[in-house]
Amino acid sequence: SATYTLLATNSAGNSADATVSLTVNAAVPSLSYAGATGTSGSVGSAMSVSPTTLTANGASITACGIKSGSTPSSLPAGLSVNASTCVISGTPTSPAGSATYTLVATNSAGNSANATVSLTVAAQAPTLSYASSTGTTGTVGTAMSVTPSTLSANGAAISACGIKAATTALPAGLSVNASTCVISGTPTAVTA
């Protein structure tokens, strides 16, 4: 608190000094995500959602996160909340349907009012590569197996894997596993 000295004045002069002690305390923080952008993302792609309002109100923000006891009780896998800026960020690792999360910011005066934000994480198309696969050279009559060097479902089960339409067919005797994308079999003819 601090003491202030005041006086009143009129045509007859000044009053005696009057003192008053005033104390101004910090208030709880203000937090809102209303109208925030970047609330929809996809597996494997970085997301960042900044609060549209974050005001400390006289005391440093000491924590920010999902409100204790709220449902859902945690953000989608791969996302986290910065404890001082309340920015939600990260790279989601699995899909999450649209859900509304309740967050609070905290300072020495207490917790902010509830701030809600709806987040959605969608699956992405799978990632497939044979760029560094081994066993890509074989011999007629000898079994072969070529495992993809990269195969990521990116949040949704792989429902099919095969030769792309209107492209060159696999050599006779070889086939592709529909779920693992492993090329295997025993070739019966030489490739051109």
C-alpha atoms as a PDB file:
ATOM      1  CA  SER A   1       0.000   0.000   0.000  1.00  0.00           C
ATOM      2  CA  ALA A   2       1.004   3.634  -0.400  1.00  0.00           C
ATOM      3  CA  THR A   3      -0.088   6.814   1.396  1.00  0.00           C
ATOM      4  CA  TYR A   4      -1.317   9.783  -0.634  1.00  0.00           C
ATOM      5  CA  THR A   5      -1.823  13.388   0.540  1.00  0.00           C
ATOM      6  CA  LEU A   6      -4.724  15.357  -0.906  1.00  0.00           C
ATOM      7  CA  LEU A   7      -6.229  18.770  -0.363  1.00  0.00           C
ATOM      8  CA  ALA A   8      -9.357  20.544  -1.440  1.00  0.00           C
ATOM      9  CA  THR A   9      -9.323  24.158  -2.603  1.00  0.00           C
ATOM     10  CA  ASN A  10     -12.014  26.851  -2.814  1.00  0.00           C
ATOM     11  CA  SER A  11     -12.081  30.651  -2.903  1.00  0.00           C
ATOM     12  CA  ALA A  12     -11.296  30.766   0.815  1.00  0.00           C
ATOM     13  CA  GLY A  13      -8.153  28.676   0.512  1.00  0.00           C
ATOM     14  CA  ASN A  14      -6.906  25.151   0.984  1.00  0.00           C
ATOM     15  CA  SER A  15      -8.111  22.463   3.342  1.00  0.00           C
ATOM     16  CA  ALA A  16      -5.818  20.806   5.768  1.00  0.00           C
ATOM     17  CA  ASP A  17      -3.861  17.915   4.311  1.00  0.00           C
ATOM     18  CA  ALA A  18      -5.843  14.695   4.129  1.00  0.00           C
ATOM     19  CA  THR A  19      -4.035  11.407   3.812  1.00  0.00           C
ATOM     20  CA  VAL A  20      -5.328   8.167   2.418  1.00  0.00           C
ATOM     21  CA  SER A  21      -3.653   4.771   2.085  1.00  0.00           C
ATOM     22  CA  LEU A  22      -4.484   2.858  -1.081  1.00  0.00           C
ATOM     23  CA  THR A  23      -3.654  -0.694  -2.022  1.00  0.00           C
ATOM     24  CA  VAL A  24      -4.086  -2.074  -5.529  1.00  0.00           C
ATOM     25  CA  ASN A  25      -3.660  -5.835  -5.796  1.00  0.00           C
ATOM     26  CA  ALA A  26      -3.201  -7.948  -8.884  1.00  0.00           C
ATOM     27  CA  ALA A  27      -6.298  -9.535 -10.379  1.00  0.00           C
ATOM     28  CA  VAL A  28      -6.572 -13.030 -11.812  1.00  0.00           C
ATOM     29  CA  PRO A  29      -5.389 -13.257 -15.431  1.00  0.00           C
ATOM     30  CA  SER A  30      -7.712 -12.851 -18.423  1.00  0.00           C
ATOM     31  CA  LEU A  31      -7.557 -15.705 -20.958  1.00  0.00           C
ATOM     32  CA  SER A  32      -9.595 -16.342 -24.092  1.00  0.00           C
ATOM     33  CA  TYR A  33      -9.257 -18.369 -27.271  1.00  0.00           C
ATOM     34  CA  ALA A  34     -12.441 -16.952 -28.856  1.00  0.00           C
ATOM     35  CA  GLY A  35     -11.785 -16.574 -32.584  1.00  0.00           C
ATOM     36  CA  ALA A  36      -8.358 -18.244 -32.379  1.00  0.00           C
ATOM     37  CA  THR A  37      -6.939 -19.614 -35.621  1.00  0.00           C
ATOM     38  CA  GLY A  38      -5.097 -22.878 -36.300  1.00  0.00           C
ATOM     39  CA  THR A  39      -7.523 -24.987 -34.267  1.00  0.00           C
ATOM     40  CA  SER A  40      -7.793 -27.690 -36.955  1.00  0.00           C
ATOM     41  CA  GLY A  41      -4.761 -29.742 -37.910  1.00  0.00           C
ATOM     42  CA  SER A  42      -3.643 -33.124 -39.092  1.00  0.00           C
ATOM     43  CA  VAL A  43      -1.395 -35.905 -37.854  1.00  0.00           C
ATOM     44  CA  GLY A  44       2.273 -35.148 -38.516  1.00  0.00           C
ATOM     45  CA  SER A  45       1.788 -31.429 -39.235  1.00  0.00           C
ATOM     46  CA  ALA A  46       2.749 -28.808 -36.655  1.00  0.00           C
ATOM     47  CA  MET A  47      -0.082 -26.845 -35.008  1.00  0.00           C
ATOM     48  CA  SER A  48      -0.002 -23.584 -33.061  1.00  0.00           C
ATOM     49  CA  VAL A  49      -2.996 -21.922 -31.401  1.00  0.00           C
ATOM     50  CA  SER A  50      -2.385 -18.594 -29.648  1.00  0.00           C
ATOM     51  CA  PRO A  51      -4.853 -17.115 -27.177  1.00  0.00           C
ATOM     52  CA  THR A  52      -6.763 -14.120 -28.533  1.00  0.00           C
ATOM     53  CA  THR A  53      -6.606 -12.568 -25.059  1.00  0.00           C
ATOM     54  CA  LEU A  54      -3.955 -13.092 -22.399  1.00  0.00           C
ATOM     55  CA  THR A  55      -3.586 -10.363 -19.793  1.00  0.00           C
ATOM     56  CA  ALA A  56      -1.553 -10.890 -16.630  1.00  0.00           C
ATOM     57  CA  ASN A  57      -3.477  -8.178 -14.706  1.00  0.00           C
ATOM     58  CA  GLY A  58      -0.635  -7.077 -12.460  1.00  0.00           C
ATOM     59  CA  ALA A  59       1.162 -10.346 -11.642  1.00  0.00           C
ATOM     60  CA  SER A  60       3.214 -12.682 -13.806  1.00  0.00           C
ATOM     61  CA  ILE A  61       1.514 -15.732 -15.301  1.00  0.00           C
ATOM     62  CA  THR A  62       2.931 -18.690 -13.378  1.00  0.00           C
ATOM     63  CA  ALA A  63       1.005 -21.523 -15.051  1.00  0.00           C
ATOM     64  CA  CYS A  64      -1.317 -22.231 -17.936  1.00  0.00           C
ATOM     65  CA  GLY A  65      -2.934 -25.505 -18.829  1.00  0.00           C
ATOM     66  CA  ILE A  66      -5.965 -27.777 -18.927  1.00  0.00           C
ATOM     67  CA  LYS A  67      -8.232 -27.032 -15.974  1.00  0.00           C
ATOM     68  CA  SER A  68      -7.972 -29.716 -13.324  1.00  0.00           C
ATOM     69  CA  GLY A  69     -11.000 -31.993 -13.333  1.00  0.00           C
ATOM     70  CA  SER A  70     -12.225 -30.904 -16.765  1.00  0.00           C
ATOM     71  CA  THR A  71     -13.073 -33.275 -19.609  1.00  0.00           C
ATOM     72  CA  PRO A  72     -11.221 -33.998 -21.807  1.00  0.00           C
ATOM     73  CA  SER A  73      -8.399 -33.947 -19.267  1.00  0.00           C
ATOM     74  CA  SER A  74      -5.556 -33.704 -21.786  1.00  0.00           C
ATOM     75  CA  LEU A  75      -4.850 -32.242 -25.215  1.00  0.00           C
ATOM     76  CA  PRO A  76      -4.533 -34.460 -28.306  1.00  0.00           C
ATOM     77  CA  ALA A  77      -1.315 -36.528 -28.289  1.00  0.00           C
ATOM     78  CA  GLY A  78       1.668 -34.433 -29.389  1.00  0.00           C
ATOM     79  CA  LEU A  79       0.199 -31.068 -28.322  1.00  0.00           C
ATOM     80  CA  SER A  80       1.083 -29.121 -25.163  1.00  0.00           C
ATOM     81  CA  VAL A  81       0.423 -25.723 -23.562  1.00  0.00           C
ATOM     82  CA  ASN A  82       3.205 -23.220 -22.896  1.00  0.00           C
ATOM     83  CA  ALA A  83       3.020 -22.431 -19.156  1.00  0.00           C
ATOM     84  CA  SER A  84       3.615 -18.691 -19.563  1.00  0.00           C
ATOM     85  CA  THR A  85       2.195 -17.783 -23.001  1.00  0.00           C
ATOM     86  CA  CYS A  86      -0.745 -20.250 -23.061  1.00  0.00           C
ATOM     87  CA  VAL A  87       0.098 -21.081 -26.698  1.00  0.00           C
ATOM     88  CA  ILE A  88      -1.047 -24.595 -27.621  1.00  0.00           C
ATOM     89  CA  SER A  89       1.494 -26.139 -29.994  1.00  0.00           C
ATOM     90  CA  GLY A  90       3.189 -29.294 -31.165  1.00  0.00           C
ATOM     91  CA  THR A  91       2.861 -31.955 -33.828  1.00  0.00           C
ATOM     92  CA  PRO A  92      -0.137 -34.252 -33.317  1.00  0.00           C
ATOM     93  CA  THR A  93       0.664 -37.959 -33.398  1.00  0.00           C
ATOM     94  CA  SER A  94      -2.855 -39.359 -33.638  1.00  0.00           C
ATOM     95  CA  PRO A  95      -6.220 -38.115 -34.881  1.00  0.00           C
ATOM     96  CA  ALA A  96      -8.697 -36.565 -32.466  1.00  0.00           C
ATOM     97  CA  GLY A  97     -12.275 -35.703 -33.300  1.00  0.00           C
ATOM     98  CA  SER A  98     -13.503 -32.217 -32.520  1.00  0.00           C
ATOM     99  CA  ALA A  99     -13.473 -31.625 -28.764  1.00  0.00           C
ATOM    100  CA  THR A 100     -13.704 -28.561 -26.556  1.00  0.00           C
ATOM    101  CA  TYR A 101     -10.887 -28.139 -24.034  1.00  0.00           C
ATOM    102  CA  THR A 102     -11.061 -25.939 -20.920  1.00  0.00           C
ATOM    103  CA  LEU A 103      -7.903 -24.061 -19.952  1.00  0.00           C
ATOM    104  CA  VAL A 104      -6.977 -21.633 -17.183  1.00  0.00           C
ATOM    105  CA  ALA A 105      -4.091 -19.222 -16.647  1.00  0.00           C
ATOM    106  CA  THR A 106      -2.758 -18.695 -13.129  1.00  0.00           C
ATOM    107  CA  ASN A 107      -0.962 -15.848 -11.367  1.00  0.00           C
ATOM    108  CA  SER A 108      -0.459 -14.992  -7.677  1.00  0.00           C
ATOM    109  CA  ALA A 109      -4.095 -13.796  -7.485  1.00  0.00           C
ATOM    110  CA  GLY A 110      -5.482 -17.130  -8.659  1.00  0.00           C
ATOM    111  CA  ASN A 111      -6.929 -18.785 -11.760  1.00  0.00           C
ATOM    112  CA  SER A 112      -8.504 -17.022 -14.715  1.00  0.00           C
ATOM    113  CA  ALA A 113     -12.062 -17.704 -15.714  1.00  0.00           C
ATOM    114  CA  ASN A 114     -12.421 -20.822 -17.861  1.00  0.00           C
ATOM    115  CA  ALA A 115     -11.253 -20.377 -21.446  1.00  0.00           C
ATOM    116  CA  THR A 116     -12.463 -22.917 -23.996  1.00  0.00           C
ATOM    117  CA  VAL A 117     -10.999 -23.866 -27.354  1.00  0.00           C
ATOM    118  CA  SER A 118     -12.198 -26.522 -29.804  1.00  0.00           C
ATOM    119  CA  LEU A 119      -9.459 -28.559 -31.472  1.00  0.00           C
ATOM    120  CA  THR A 120      -9.643 -31.141 -34.256  1.00  0.00           C
ATOM    121  CA  VAL A 121      -6.833 -33.382 -35.525  1.00  0.00           C
ATOM    122  CA  ALA A 122      -7.486 -35.287 -38.757  1.00  0.00           C
ATOM    123  CA  ALA A 123      -5.607 -38.239 -40.195  1.00  0.00           C
ATOM    124  CA  GLN A 124      -3.334 -37.668 -43.206  1.00  0.00           C
ATOM    125  CA  ALA A 125      -2.713 -39.820 -46.247  1.00  0.00           C
ATOM    126  CA  PRO A 126      -0.154 -42.547 -45.528  1.00  0.00           C
ATOM    127  CA  THR A 127       3.544 -42.051 -46.242  1.00  0.00           C
ATOM    128  CA  LEU A 128       5.171 -44.804 -48.333  1.00  0.00           C
ATOM    129  CA  SER A 129       8.716 -45.082 -49.670  1.00  0.00           C
ATOM    130  CA  TYR A 130      11.024 -47.829 -50.888  1.00  0.00           C
ATOM    131  CA  ALA A 131      13.945 -45.368 -51.394  1.00  0.00           C
ATOM    132  CA  SER A 132      16.382 -47.186 -49.079  1.00  0.00           C
ATOM    133  CA  SER A 133      14.812 -50.664 -49.122  1.00  0.00           C
ATOM    134  CA  THR A 134      17.056 -53.669 -49.571  1.00  0.00           C
ATOM    135  CA  GLY A 135      16.445 -56.893 -51.480  1.00  0.00           C
ATOM    136  CA  THR A 136      15.256 -55.101 -54.636  1.00  0.00           C
ATOM    137  CA  THR A 137      17.360 -57.293 -56.948  1.00  0.00           C
ATOM    138  CA  GLY A 138      16.438 -60.965 -57.260  1.00  0.00           C
ATOM    139  CA  THR A 139      16.711 -64.018 -59.462  1.00  0.00           C
ATOM    140  CA  VAL A 140      14.089 -66.063 -61.297  1.00  0.00           C
ATOM    141  CA  GLY A 141      12.998 -68.926 -59.058  1.00  0.00           C
ATOM    142  CA  THR A 142      14.388 -67.440 -55.832  1.00  0.00           C
ATOM    143  CA  ALA A 143      12.101 -65.883 -53.228  1.00  0.00           C
ATOM    144  CA  MET A 144      12.262 -62.104 -52.739  1.00  0.00           C
ATOM    145  CA  SER A 145      10.956 -59.787 -50.054  1.00  0.00           C
ATOM    146  CA  VAL A 146      11.126 -55.988 -50.158  1.00  0.00           C
ATOM    147  CA  THR A 147       9.944 -54.109 -47.091  1.00  0.00           C
ATOM    148  CA  PRO A 148       9.153 -50.382 -47.416  1.00  0.00           C
ATOM    149  CA  SER A 149      11.854 -48.146 -45.941  1.00  0.00           C
ATOM    150  CA  THR A 150       9.051 -45.824 -44.802  1.00  0.00           C
ATOM    151  CA  LEU A 151       5.441 -46.723 -44.085  1.00  0.00           C
ATOM    152  CA  SER A 152       3.435 -44.452 -41.821  1.00  0.00           C
ATOM    153  CA  ALA A 153      -0.338 -44.737 -41.494  1.00  0.00           C
ATOM    154  CA  ASN A 154      -0.538 -41.100 -40.250  1.00  0.00           C
ATOM    155  CA  GLY A 155      -3.507 -41.624 -38.005  1.00  0.00           C
ATOM    156  CA  ALA A 156      -5.740 -43.978 -39.970  1.00  0.00           C
ATOM    157  CA  ALA A 157      -5.396 -47.695 -40.652  1.00  0.00           C
ATOM    158  CA  ILE A 158      -3.993 -48.573 -44.064  1.00  0.00           C
ATOM    159  CA  SER A 159      -6.899 -50.037 -45.992  1.00  0.00           C
ATOM    160  CA  ALA A 160      -5.073 -51.012 -49.178  1.00  0.00           C
ATOM    161  CA  CYS A 161      -1.625 -51.138 -50.724  1.00  0.00           C
ATOM    162  CA  GLY A 162      -0.910 -52.077 -54.307  1.00  0.00           C
ATOM    163  CA  ILE A 163       0.398 -51.077 -57.708  1.00  0.00           C
ATOM    164  CA  LYS A 164      -0.955 -47.711 -58.847  1.00  0.00           C
ATOM    165  CA  ALA A 165      -3.442 -47.985 -61.734  1.00  0.00           C
ATOM    166  CA  ALA A 166      -2.027 -47.363 -65.218  1.00  0.00           C
ATOM    167  CA  THR A 167       1.571 -48.036 -64.095  1.00  0.00           C
ATOM    168  CA  THR A 168       3.874 -50.999 -64.722  1.00  0.00           C
ATOM    169  CA  ALA A 169       2.746 -54.260 -63.094  1.00  0.00           C
ATOM    170  CA  LEU A 170       5.043 -56.160 -60.724  1.00  0.00           C
ATOM    171  CA  PRO A 171       7.121 -58.977 -62.238  1.00  0.00           C
ATOM    172  CA  ALA A 172       5.215 -62.271 -62.529  1.00  0.00           C
ATOM    173  CA  GLY A 173       5.268 -64.169 -59.224  1.00  0.00           C
ATOM    174  CA  LEU A 174       5.517 -61.076 -56.993  1.00  0.00           C
ATOM    175  CA  SER A 175       2.660 -59.422 -55.092  1.00  0.00           C
ATOM    176  CA  VAL A 176       2.089 -56.625 -52.578  1.00  0.00           C
ATOM    177  CA  ASN A 177       0.701 -57.223 -49.098  1.00  0.00           C
ATOM    178  CA  ALA A 178      -2.425 -55.033 -48.816  1.00  0.00           C
ATOM    179  CA  SER A 179      -1.701 -53.838 -45.273  1.00  0.00           C
ATOM    180  CA  THR A 180       2.107 -53.925 -44.880  1.00  0.00           C
ATOM    181  CA  CYS A 181       3.044 -52.957 -48.482  1.00  0.00           C
ATOM    182  CA  VAL A 182       5.750 -55.650 -48.444  1.00  0.00           C
ATOM    183  CA  ILE A 183       6.518 -56.876 -51.976  1.00  0.00           C
ATOM    184  CA  SER A 184       7.208 -60.608 -51.897  1.00  0.00           C
ATOM    185  CA  GLY A 185       7.051 -63.848 -53.833  1.00  0.00           C
ATOM    186  CA  THR A 186       9.165 -65.864 -56.226  1.00  0.00           C
ATOM    187  CA  PRO A 187       9.677 -64.189 -59.600  1.00  0.00           C
ATOM    188  CA  THR A 188       8.981 -66.418 -62.591  1.00  0.00           C
ATOM    189  CA  ALA A 189      10.221 -64.099 -65.346  1.00  0.00           C
ATOM    190  CA  VAL A 190      13.034 -61.633 -65.976  1.00  0.00           C
ATOM    191  CA  THR A 191      12.120 -57.917 -65.978  1.00  0.00           C
ATOM    192  CA  ALA A 192      12.951 -55.850 -69.030  1.00  0.00           C
END
